[in-house]
Amino acid sequence: MGAPIKGKGKGKGKGKIGSKGSGKGETKGKGKGKSTASTWVEVKPLVLVTGASGYIAMSVIRRLVDRNYKVRGTVRNLADEEKVGPLKRMFPKVELFEADLLGGPEAFEKAMEGCKYVMHTASPFRMNIEDVEKDLLEPAIKGTENVIRAAGKAGVSRVVLTSSVAAVGPPASWFQDASVADKEKIFTEEDWTSDEPDNNKDAMKGYRKSKVMAEKRAWELVKEFEGLSLVTILPSFVLGPMLSSRSDGESISFIRSVLDGSLKENGCKGNSLGVVDVRDVSLAHVAALETDDAAGKRFLITSERGYSRIEMCNLIRDQFKAYPIPTEGTEPPYQPKFDTSRAKEILKFSPKPVQVSLSDMANAALRLGLVAKKTFLKPVKFKTIADVLPDSKGIDLLVKVVSMGKTEEVKSAAGTQIAKEVVVGDDTGIVTLRLLGDEAAAISDDAIVEVRNASVKMFGGYIRLIVTKWGKVSKHEGDVTITPKMDKDISAVEYELVPV
């Protein structure tokens, strides 16, 4: 609805509201006042997301905010800047509450006041534990109890709970001994795993049991509250771009190990896992909230088969050639299978290709600084110094440092910079490089260096090679001997520019 025109002054306008001029037009009224057109946007109900700083939770929050939902979130500690800071900066309008899974339901009740929906994503998933009961079972089960009870008391109409494919299967024994596995079995939402930890440090079986017990407890409790429905989302191993630089999750640890070489160093092995993109997981959460037919159902959100670590590495190795991504690995003897037809039919689940998820996740890890960026240098055929002419561009040289000049300050459009002239040579002659800023970092006396994509700049009629932002000077890693031809100094030859 447009705001009424206000203002004083003379003159009749023609054309758009708020324009000045004379003549006839459809707009009536006098004055120089301006009007700003407004659009009414439906504000959707209030949603609470537990564990709001988590990998999945932040993607869920983005989906909700994009759809004009009002959003609240709970975090364990509001003072934890490392975890909460990125959340506040990315979603400044999201109201945050402090609530611990192991505390009582009171903190969750306060956060849920006025909420219509709850997304319960908070649950521990880590393999480095001290005690299964304390680190996995208690937080998952008690946290779920607190959230369901608080939701029932607050009059919430639907809880969407993040469970896991681990609550469905396969059992850990099938991974440990493929000879006992039913390799034709296709797991559905009707299945429940029955894993029991072998000891109090058995993280894998402990995690599986925690997901089963927490989800079953949620289905039991929701029956106590009239008007409260439950939907459970069961993702497999989650991939895809993270929204913050937090690095304490299993998914982020995996992609970092792929890129930094630790997976290659430790051996590319492990079980074949179902995988899914975090963006598809968050879409499924929102669809579960908005779809009436989803109420009272479980949904597998996963690839239809498992992927080994080496298979995932193979999908992105060519795209990230500068990184030590494993080229060899173990293919597990058992590959699980899953039926995702229910999610596709009701939630319109349409999974992204695994290669896209991995690629986007790796790029996010580099962008956020979780892994140091590296440059892949393509194989190049080096030219010789004798080939250098005043109008040469795109010059690639393999040369030895002959001498290093003094540094000086020079002024340019970019401001004051440090310049250094370095004489380098090969067996056809010598030439002077003019390097700016930190370009000389790879240069030392007698070093063998690679000069890539350099060009000639004439200073007073004399050749100087420069390296722009599209070029690079780096230390040569190979074993090569170069004896510079000192009696042919290309930079000492004077040229004159004459009309042709």
Protein backbone atom coordinates (compact mmCIF):
# COMPACT_ATOMS: atom_id res chain seq x y z
CA MET A 1 0.00 0.00 0.00
CA GLY A 2 1.48 3.36 -0.93
CA ALA A 3 1.91 6.09 1.66
CA PRO A 4 -0.14 9.29 1.16
CA ILE A 5 1.58 12.21 -0.54
CA LYS A 6 2.48 15.04 1.81
CA GLY A 7 4.15 18.40 1.35
CA LYS A 8 3.63 21.99 0.41
CA GLY A 9 4.34 23.91 -2.77
CA LYS A 10 3.02 24.73 -6.15
CA GLY A 11 3.02 22.90 -9.40
CA LYS A 12 1.21 20.09 -11.06
CA GLY A 13 3.01 16.91 -11.85
CA LYS A 14 2.92 14.63 -14.82
CA GLY A 15 3.98 11.01 -14.62
CA LYS A 16 5.25 9.25 -11.51
CA ILE A 17 4.34 10.04 -7.95
CA GLY A 18 6.86 12.36 -6.38
CA SER A 19 8.15 13.83 -9.71
CA LYS A 20 8.34 17.55 -10.37
CA GLY A 21 7.13 19.29 -13.50
CA SER A 22 4.14 20.75 -15.19
CA GLY A 23 1.36 19.43 -17.32
CA LYS A 24 -1.43 17.00 -16.98
CA GLY A 25 -1.31 13.66 -15.38
CA GLU A 26 -3.26 11.09 -13.50
CA THR A 27 -1.75 12.10 -10.16
CA LYS A 28 -3.63 14.87 -8.43
CA GLY A 29 -2.38 17.15 -5.71
CA LYS A 30 0.11 19.86 -5.11
CA GLY A 31 3.51 19.87 -3.55
CA LYS A 32 7.07 18.72 -3.67
CA GLY A 33 6.60 15.86 -1.27
CA LYS A 34 7.84 12.35 -2.05
CA SER A 35 6.15 9.02 -1.47
CA THR A 36 7.83 5.68 -0.93
CA ALA A 37 5.97 2.65 -2.24
CA SER A 38 5.55 -0.10 0.32
CA THR A 39 4.99 -3.80 -0.14
CA TRP A 40 3.26 -5.86 2.51
CA VAL A 41 5.26 -9.04 3.21
CA GLU A 42 3.65 -11.83 5.17
CA VAL A 43 5.52 -12.46 8.41
CA LYS A 44 5.40 -16.13 9.17
CA PRO A 45 5.20 -17.72 12.62
CA LEU A 46 7.97 -17.78 15.19
CA VAL A 47 10.36 -20.76 15.02
CA LEU A 48 12.92 -21.86 17.60
CA VAL A 49 16.09 -23.62 16.41
CA THR A 50 18.06 -25.42 19.12
CA GLY A 51 21.82 -25.70 18.84
CA ALA A 52 21.68 -22.64 16.60
CA SER A 53 25.42 -22.32 16.00
CA GLY A 54 25.74 -25.83 14.57
CA TYR A 55 26.53 -26.84 11.01
CA ILE A 56 23.01 -28.01 10.13
CA ALA A 57 21.28 -25.45 12.33
CA MET A 58 22.84 -22.42 10.61
CA SER A 59 21.71 -23.73 7.24
CA VAL A 60 18.19 -24.25 8.66
CA ILE A 61 18.18 -20.69 10.03
CA ARG A 62 19.16 -19.32 6.65
CA ARG A 63 16.25 -21.15 5.01
CA LEU A 64 13.78 -19.87 7.62
CA VAL A 65 14.99 -16.27 7.41
CA ASP A 66 14.82 -16.37 3.61
CA ARG A 67 11.17 -17.47 3.92
CA ASN A 68 10.33 -14.58 6.29
CA TYR A 69 9.93 -16.67 9.42
CA LYS A 70 10.71 -15.00 12.72
CA VAL A 71 13.52 -17.04 14.25
CA ARG A 72 14.94 -17.66 17.70
CA GLY A 73 17.88 -19.85 18.56
CA THR A 74 19.38 -21.54 21.59
CA VAL A 75 23.08 -21.93 22.28
CA ARG A 76 24.90 -23.50 25.19
CA ASN A 77 26.85 -20.38 26.12
CA LEU A 78 26.07 -16.87 24.86
CA ALA A 79 29.54 -15.72 25.89
CA ASP A 80 31.28 -18.20 23.56
CA GLU A 81 32.32 -15.73 20.86
CA GLU A 82 33.94 -18.39 18.65
CA LYS A 83 30.64 -20.23 18.23
CA VAL A 84 28.07 -17.49 18.74
CA GLY A 85 29.88 -14.56 17.08
CA PRO A 86 29.46 -15.76 13.46
CA LEU A 87 25.79 -16.54 14.14
CA LYS A 88 25.12 -13.02 15.44
CA ARG A 89 26.91 -11.37 12.54
CA MET A 90 25.19 -13.45 9.88
CA PHE A 91 21.70 -13.34 11.39
CA PRO A 92 21.50 -10.16 13.51
CA LYS A 93 17.69 -10.34 13.81
CA VAL A 94 17.70 -13.85 15.30
CA GLU A 95 17.03 -13.67 19.03
CA LEU A 96 19.34 -15.96 21.00
CA PHE A 97 18.70 -17.74 24.31
CA GLU A 98 21.04 -19.71 26.49
CA ALA A 99 19.94 -23.31 27.07
CA ASP A 100 21.90 -26.46 27.88
CA LEU A 101 20.73 -29.92 26.83
CA LEU A 102 21.62 -31.23 30.29
CA GLY A 103 19.80 -28.45 32.11
CA GLY A 104 16.11 -28.50 32.87
CA PRO A 105 13.31 -27.65 30.42
CA GLU A 106 12.88 -24.18 31.95
CA ALA A 107 15.40 -22.45 29.66
CA PHE A 108 13.78 -24.03 26.61
CA GLU A 109 10.32 -23.04 27.86
CA LYS A 110 11.39 -19.41 28.00
CA ALA A 111 12.86 -19.57 24.51
CA MET A 112 9.66 -21.18 23.16
CA GLU A 113 7.23 -18.56 24.44
CA GLY A 114 5.12 -17.53 21.45
CA CYS A 115 6.70 -20.10 19.11
CA LYS A 116 4.59 -22.18 16.77
CA TYR A 117 7.37 -24.49 15.61
CA VAL A 118 10.59 -25.94 17.01
CA MET A 119 13.57 -27.32 15.09
CA HIS A 120 15.53 -29.49 17.51
CA THR A 121 18.93 -29.87 15.85
CA ALA A 122 21.09 -29.86 18.98
CA SER A 123 22.67 -33.24 19.68
CA PRO A 124 26.29 -34.34 20.16
CA PHE A 125 28.09 -36.00 17.24
CA ARG A 126 31.77 -36.56 17.88
CA MET A 127 34.03 -39.57 17.89
CA ASN A 128 36.58 -38.29 20.43
CA ILE A 129 34.84 -39.07 23.72
CA GLU A 130 35.73 -40.14 27.25
CA ASP A 131 32.49 -41.82 28.25
CA VAL A 132 29.56 -43.00 26.09
CA GLU A 133 26.94 -42.42 28.76
CA LYS A 134 28.12 -38.95 29.76
CA ASP A 135 29.22 -37.59 26.37
CA LEU A 136 26.60 -39.10 24.04
CA LEU A 137 23.61 -40.80 25.67
CA GLU A 138 22.76 -38.29 28.40
CA PRO A 139 22.90 -35.12 26.25
CA ALA A 140 20.91 -36.70 23.41
CA ILE A 141 18.16 -38.29 25.51
CA LYS A 142 17.78 -35.69 28.24
CA GLY A 143 18.05 -32.84 25.75
CA THR A 144 15.27 -34.34 23.64
CA GLU A 145 13.09 -34.85 26.72
CA ASN A 146 13.60 -31.22 27.79
CA VAL A 147 12.74 -29.90 24.33
CA ILE A 148 9.61 -32.03 23.83
CA ARG A 149 8.27 -31.26 27.32
CA ALA A 150 8.94 -27.55 26.88
CA ALA A 151 7.27 -27.59 23.45
CA GLY A 152 4.19 -29.30 24.83
CA LYS A 153 3.93 -26.81 27.69
CA ALA A 154 4.45 -23.81 25.38
CA GLY A 155 1.69 -24.86 22.98
CA VAL A 156 4.03 -25.51 20.05
CA SER A 157 2.21 -27.21 17.17
CA ARG A 158 5.12 -29.12 15.59
CA VAL A 159 8.62 -30.24 16.50
CA VAL A 160 11.03 -31.23 13.74
CA LEU A 161 13.76 -33.34 15.31
CA THR A 162 17.14 -33.99 13.70
CA SER A 163 17.82 -37.68 14.17
CA SER A 164 20.24 -39.68 12.01
CA VAL A 165 20.45 -42.50 9.51
CA ALA A 166 22.48 -44.15 12.27
CA ALA A 167 19.16 -44.77 14.05
CA VAL A 168 18.05 -46.85 11.05
CA GLY A 169 21.13 -48.82 10.07
CA PRO A 170 23.17 -50.67 9.03
CA PRO A 171 24.35 -52.16 12.31
CA ALA A 172 28.01 -51.61 13.12
CA SER A 173 28.66 -55.37 12.90
CA TRP A 174 28.01 -55.26 9.14
CA PHE A 175 30.80 -52.75 8.71
CA GLN A 176 33.12 -54.67 11.00
CA ASP A 177 32.54 -58.00 9.24
CA ALA A 178 31.04 -57.81 5.75
CA SER A 179 30.47 -61.57 5.72
CA VAL A 180 27.53 -61.15 8.13
CA ALA A 181 26.01 -58.25 6.17
CA ASP A 182 22.92 -58.58 4.02
CA LYS A 183 24.34 -56.77 0.98
CA GLU A 184 20.96 -56.66 -0.75
CA LYS A 185 19.17 -55.05 2.19
CA ILE A 186 17.69 -51.61 1.42
CA PHE A 187 17.04 -49.67 4.61
CA THR A 188 13.81 -47.71 5.08
CA GLU A 189 12.19 -45.63 7.80
CA GLU A 190 10.67 -48.81 9.23
CA ASP A 191 14.11 -49.99 10.39
CA TRP A 192 15.75 -49.33 13.75
CA THR A 193 19.34 -50.24 14.54
CA SER A 194 20.03 -52.27 17.69
CA ASP A 195 23.69 -51.43 18.34
CA GLU A 196 24.97 -51.63 21.90
CA PRO A 197 28.38 -50.11 22.83
CA ASP A 198 31.06 -52.71 23.62
CA ASN A 199 32.59 -50.39 26.25
CA ASN A 200 32.27 -46.87 27.59
CA LYS A 201 34.60 -45.50 24.88
CA ASP A 202 32.88 -47.13 21.91
CA ALA A 203 31.94 -43.87 20.18
CA MET A 204 30.48 -45.34 17.00
CA LYS A 205 28.03 -47.72 18.65
CA GLY A 206 27.41 -45.20 21.41
CA TYR A 207 26.41 -42.56 18.89
CA ARG A 208 24.06 -44.98 17.13
CA LYS A 209 22.42 -45.95 20.41
CA SER A 210 22.04 -42.29 21.42
CA LYS A 211 20.17 -41.48 18.22
CA VAL A 212 17.84 -44.48 18.60
CA MET A 213 17.05 -43.80 22.25
CA ALA A 214 16.59 -40.05 21.77
CA GLU A 215 14.27 -40.47 18.80
CA LYS A 216 12.21 -43.23 20.41
CA ARG A 217 11.87 -41.11 23.54
CA ALA A 218 10.60 -38.22 21.42
CA TRP A 219 7.93 -40.41 19.81
CA GLU A 220 6.82 -41.59 23.27
CA LEU A 221 6.67 -38.11 24.84
CA VAL A 222 4.86 -36.37 22.01
CA LYS A 223 1.80 -38.58 22.69
CA GLU A 224 1.38 -36.83 26.04
CA PHE A 225 0.61 -33.44 24.49
CA GLU A 226 -2.54 -32.83 22.51
CA GLY A 227 -2.02 -30.70 19.42
CA LEU A 228 1.73 -31.36 19.25
CA SER A 229 3.02 -33.27 16.19
CA LEU A 230 6.49 -34.63 15.56
CA VAL A 231 8.56 -35.14 12.40
CA THR A 232 12.03 -36.68 12.44
CA ILE A 233 14.69 -36.02 9.79
CA LEU A 234 17.35 -38.71 9.43
CA PRO A 235 20.34 -37.41 7.46
CA SER A 236 23.41 -39.47 6.68
CA PHE A 237 26.96 -38.05 6.68
CA VAL A 238 26.46 -34.36 5.91
CA LEU A 239 28.55 -32.56 3.29
CA GLY A 240 28.28 -29.16 1.64
CA PRO A 241 29.37 -25.59 2.40
CA MET A 242 29.57 -24.50 6.02
CA LEU A 243 28.52 -20.96 6.97
CA SER A 244 31.08 -20.36 9.72
CA SER A 245 34.71 -21.21 10.40
CA ARG A 246 33.92 -23.55 13.29
CA SER A 247 36.03 -26.67 12.86
CA ASP A 248 34.87 -28.93 15.70
CA GLY A 249 32.38 -31.06 13.75
CA GLU A 250 33.01 -34.43 12.14
CA SER A 251 31.95 -33.25 8.66
CA ILE A 252 34.27 -30.23 8.71
CA SER A 253 37.11 -32.34 10.11
CA PHE A 254 36.68 -34.71 7.18
CA ILE A 255 36.97 -32.12 4.40
CA ARG A 256 39.89 -30.48 6.17
CA SER A 257 41.71 -33.82 6.37
CA VAL A 258 41.10 -34.35 2.63
CA LEU A 259 42.67 -30.99 1.74
CA ASP A 260 45.50 -30.66 4.26
CA GLY A 261 47.00 -34.09 3.62
CA SER A 262 46.21 -35.74 6.96
CA LEU A 263 43.77 -38.20 5.35
CA LYS A 264 46.47 -39.21 2.88
CA GLU A 265 49.07 -39.46 5.64
CA ASN A 266 46.85 -41.55 7.95
CA GLY A 267 45.48 -43.76 5.19
CA CYS A 268 42.33 -43.19 3.19
CA LYS A 269 40.15 -45.86 4.74
CA GLY A 270 36.90 -46.28 6.64
CA ASN A 271 33.33 -47.39 6.15
CA SER A 272 31.21 -46.66 3.09
CA LEU A 273 28.70 -44.01 4.19
CA GLY A 274 25.50 -42.53 2.89
CA VAL A 275 26.08 -38.81 2.24
CA VAL A 276 23.85 -35.77 1.81
CA ASP A 277 24.23 -32.03 1.20
CA VAL A 278 23.61 -29.75 4.19
CA ARG A 279 21.46 -27.51 1.96
CA ASP A 280 19.21 -30.47 1.15
CA VAL A 281 19.03 -31.32 4.85
CA SER A 282 17.90 -27.80 5.77
CA LEU A 283 15.33 -27.78 2.95
CA ALA A 284 13.95 -31.05 4.28
CA HIS A 285 13.63 -29.54 7.77
CA VAL A 286 11.61 -26.61 6.47
CA ALA A 287 9.47 -28.86 4.26
CA ALA A 288 8.78 -31.04 7.31
CA LEU A 289 7.55 -27.95 9.13
CA GLU A 290 5.35 -26.72 6.28
CA THR A 291 3.90 -30.01 4.97
CA ASP A 292 0.78 -31.36 6.69
CA ASP A 293 1.36 -34.90 5.42
CA ALA A 294 4.78 -34.99 7.11
CA ALA A 295 3.30 -35.13 10.61
CA GLY A 296 4.08 -38.30 12.53
CA LYS A 297 6.64 -39.59 10.03
CA ARG A 298 10.37 -40.32 9.82
CA PHE A 299 12.31 -39.29 6.69
CA LEU A 300 15.61 -40.68 5.42
CA ILE A 301 17.60 -37.82 3.86
CA THR A 302 20.59 -39.46 2.22
CA SER A 303 22.16 -40.77 -0.95
CA GLU A 304 20.70 -44.08 -2.05
CA ARG A 305 24.03 -45.86 -1.59
CA GLY A 306 27.16 -45.47 0.46
CA TYR A 307 30.35 -43.75 -0.70
CA SER A 308 33.89 -44.65 0.38
CA ARG A 309 36.40 -41.96 1.28
CA ILE A 310 38.59 -42.69 -1.73
CA GLU A 311 35.54 -42.47 -4.00
CA MET A 312 34.75 -39.03 -2.60
CA CYS A 313 38.38 -37.98 -3.06
CA ASN A 314 38.28 -39.13 -6.68
CA LEU A 315 35.31 -36.85 -7.34
CA ILE A 316 37.19 -33.62 -6.54
CA ARG A 317 40.89 -34.38 -7.00
CA ASP A 318 41.13 -32.83 -10.49
CA GLN A 319 39.47 -29.64 -9.27
CA PHE A 320 41.89 -29.20 -6.35
CA LYS A 321 45.19 -30.29 -7.88
CA ALA A 322 47.28 -28.11 -5.58
CA TYR A 323 46.20 -30.13 -2.51
CA PRO A 324 47.46 -33.54 -1.33
CA ILE A 325 44.17 -35.35 -1.88
CA PRO A 326 44.65 -39.12 -1.57
CA THR A 327 45.13 -41.05 -4.79
CA GLU A 328 44.96 -44.46 -3.12
CA GLY A 329 42.59 -45.83 -0.53
CA THR A 330 40.60 -48.79 0.71
CA GLU A 331 37.27 -49.71 -0.86
CA PRO A 332 35.13 -51.20 1.95
CA PRO A 333 33.64 -54.66 1.20
CA TYR A 334 30.15 -53.53 2.28
CA GLN A 335 28.16 -50.65 0.78
CA PRO A 336 24.82 -49.74 2.45
CA LYS A 337 21.67 -48.94 0.47
CA PHE A 338 18.75 -46.67 1.39
CA ASP A 339 15.20 -46.03 0.17
CA THR A 340 14.44 -42.28 0.05
CA SER A 341 11.13 -42.51 -1.81
CA ARG A 342 9.10 -41.21 1.15
CA ALA A 343 11.17 -38.02 1.40
CA LYS A 344 11.05 -37.52 -2.35
CA GLU A 345 7.28 -37.91 -2.44
CA ILE A 346 6.26 -35.90 0.62
CA LEU A 347 9.14 -33.46 1.22
CA LYS A 348 10.11 -33.14 -2.46
CA PHE A 349 13.65 -34.18 -1.55
CA SER A 350 15.90 -33.82 -4.63
CA PRO A 351 19.51 -34.49 -3.60
CA LYS A 352 22.41 -32.60 -5.11
CA PRO A 353 25.15 -34.61 -6.82
CA VAL A 354 27.81 -35.71 -4.33
CA GLN A 355 30.53 -34.09 -6.42
CA VAL A 356 28.79 -30.71 -6.14
CA SER A 357 28.47 -31.06 -2.36
CA LEU A 358 32.14 -31.97 -1.94
CA SER A 359 33.35 -29.24 -4.27
CA ASP A 360 31.29 -26.52 -2.60
CA MET A 361 32.37 -27.74 0.83
CA ALA A 362 36.06 -27.69 -0.12
CA ASN A 363 35.75 -24.19 -1.55
CA ALA A 364 34.03 -23.02 1.64
CA ALA A 365 36.83 -24.51 3.76
CA LEU A 366 39.39 -22.55 1.73
CA ARG A 367 37.33 -19.36 1.77
CA LEU A 368 36.85 -19.50 5.54
CA GLY A 369 40.53 -20.21 6.21
CA LEU A 370 40.05 -23.73 7.58
CA VAL A 371 42.72 -24.86 5.12
CA ALA A 372 45.52 -22.71 3.68
CA LYS A 373 45.04 -21.77 0.05
CA LYS A 374 47.51 -23.19 -2.45
CA THR A 375 48.15 -22.44 -6.10
CA PHE A 376 48.45 -25.18 -8.67
CA LEU A 377 51.16 -24.36 -11.18
CA LYS A 378 50.57 -26.02 -14.51
CA PRO A 379 53.54 -27.59 -16.29
CA VAL A 380 55.22 -24.96 -18.43
CA LYS A 381 57.84 -24.85 -21.17
CA PHE A 382 60.32 -22.22 -20.09
CA LYS A 383 61.74 -19.73 -22.58
CA THR A 384 65.29 -18.40 -22.52
CA ILE A 385 66.50 -14.90 -21.73
CA ALA A 386 67.73 -14.55 -25.29
CA ASP A 387 64.08 -14.62 -26.38
CA VAL A 388 63.20 -11.51 -24.35
CA LEU A 389 62.39 -8.42 -26.47
CA PRO A 390 61.03 -4.95 -25.52
CA ASP A 391 57.43 -5.94 -26.31
CA SER A 392 57.54 -9.45 -24.78
CA LYS A 393 54.64 -10.61 -22.61
CA GLY A 394 53.73 -13.83 -20.80
CA ILE A 395 57.38 -14.73 -20.23
CA ASP A 396 58.21 -17.94 -18.32
CA LEU A 397 61.85 -18.37 -17.26
CA LEU A 398 63.87 -20.84 -15.21
CA VAL A 399 66.83 -18.83 -13.96
CA LYS A 400 69.53 -18.53 -11.30
CA VAL A 401 69.90 -15.45 -9.09
CA VAL A 402 73.12 -13.63 -9.96
CA SER A 403 72.87 -10.62 -7.67
CA MET A 404 70.35 -8.74 -5.55
CA GLY A 405 70.17 -4.97 -5.58
CA LYS A 406 69.21 -2.67 -2.76
CA THR A 407 65.60 -1.99 -1.88
CA GLU A 408 64.08 1.40 -2.53
CA GLU A 409 60.75 3.08 -1.96
CA VAL A 410 58.75 3.98 -5.04
CA LYS A 411 55.45 5.79 -5.38
CA SER A 412 52.64 4.55 -7.57
CA ALA A 413 48.87 4.79 -7.91
CA ALA A 414 48.64 2.07 -5.26
CA GLY A 415 50.74 4.13 -2.83
CA THR A 416 54.32 3.75 -1.62
CA GLN A 417 55.86 0.33 -2.26
CA ILE A 418 59.20 -1.36 -1.77
CA ALA A 419 61.06 -2.15 -5.03
CA LYS A 420 64.09 -4.37 -5.53
CA GLU A 421 66.07 -5.11 -8.68
CA VAL A 422 67.38 -8.65 -8.95
CA VAL A 423 69.69 -9.88 -11.72
CA VAL A 424 68.95 -13.43 -12.89
CA GLY A 425 70.35 -15.50 -15.70
CA ASP A 426 70.42 -18.70 -17.73
CA ASP A 427 72.90 -20.08 -20.25
CA THR A 428 71.77 -17.52 -22.87
CA GLY A 429 72.23 -14.32 -20.87
CA ILE A 430 71.16 -12.27 -17.86
CA VAL A 431 68.25 -9.90 -17.24
CA THR A 432 67.06 -7.66 -14.43
CA LEU A 433 63.81 -8.36 -12.58
CA ARG A 434 62.08 -5.40 -10.96
CA LEU A 435 60.07 -6.78 -8.06
CA LEU A 436 57.58 -4.93 -5.88
CA GLY A 437 56.38 -5.63 -2.34
CA ASP A 438 56.75 -9.22 -1.20
CA GLU A 439 57.50 -10.56 -4.71
CA ALA A 440 61.17 -10.92 -3.71
CA ALA A 441 60.31 -13.24 -0.78
CA ALA A 442 61.31 -16.33 -2.78
CA ILE A 443 64.57 -14.75 -3.95
CA SER A 444 67.94 -15.45 -2.31
CA ASP A 445 71.53 -15.44 -3.54
CA ASP A 446 72.31 -18.29 -5.98
CA ALA A 447 68.71 -19.62 -5.77
CA ILE A 448 67.11 -21.27 -8.78
CA VAL A 449 63.75 -19.61 -9.33
CA GLU A 450 60.78 -19.86 -11.67
CA VAL A 451 59.48 -16.62 -13.17
CA ARG A 452 55.97 -17.06 -14.57
CA ASN A 453 53.86 -14.76 -16.71
CA ALA A 454 56.28 -11.83 -16.57
CA SER A 455 56.29 -8.95 -19.04
CA VAL A 456 58.72 -6.27 -20.16
CA LYS A 457 58.57 -2.70 -18.96
CA MET A 458 60.98 -0.18 -20.43
CA PHE A 459 62.75 2.18 -18.01
CA GLY A 460 64.61 4.90 -19.89
CA GLY A 461 65.00 2.64 -22.90
CA TYR A 462 66.28 -0.36 -20.92
CA ILE A 463 64.51 -3.66 -20.35
CA ARG A 464 63.21 -4.60 -16.93
CA LEU A 465 61.07 -7.68 -16.32
CA ILE A 466 58.07 -7.18 -14.04
CA VAL A 467 55.65 -9.68 -12.54
CA THR A 468 52.06 -8.47 -12.19
CA LYS A 469 49.35 -9.91 -9.93
CA TRP A 470 48.71 -12.55 -12.62
CA GLY A 471 52.32 -13.74 -12.43
CA LYS A 472 54.48 -15.43 -9.85
CA VAL A 473 58.10 -15.77 -8.71
CA SER A 474 58.80 -18.95 -6.76
CA LYS A 475 61.69 -21.15 -5.72
CA HIS A 476 62.26 -24.08 -8.09
CA GLU A 477 61.86 -27.39 -6.29
CA GLY A 478 63.61 -29.56 -8.87
CA ASP A 479 67.28 -30.52 -9.13
CA VAL A 480 68.79 -28.42 -11.93
CA THR A 481 72.11 -26.70 -12.60
CA ILE A 482 72.22 -23.32 -14.35
CA THR A 483 75.35 -21.40 -15.30
CA PRO A 484 74.33 -17.86 -16.34
CA LYS A 485 75.95 -16.36 -19.46
CA MET A 486 77.31 -13.21 -17.85
CA ASP A 487 78.61 -11.48 -21.00
CA LYS A 488 75.15 -10.99 -22.50
CA ASP A 489 73.13 -8.59 -20.34
CA ILE A 490 69.77 -8.06 -22.01
CA SER A 491 68.94 -5.26 -19.56
CA ALA A 492 72.05 -3.29 -20.55
CA VAL A 493 71.00 -2.91 -24.19
CA GLU A 494 69.47 0.51 -24.90
CA TYR A 495 66.42 0.75 -27.18
CA GLU A 496 64.82 3.73 -28.86
CA LEU A 497 61.17 3.99 -29.73
CA VAL A 498 60.75 5.27 -33.29
CA PRO A 499 57.69 5.54 -35.54
CA VAL A 500 57.28 2.72 -38.04
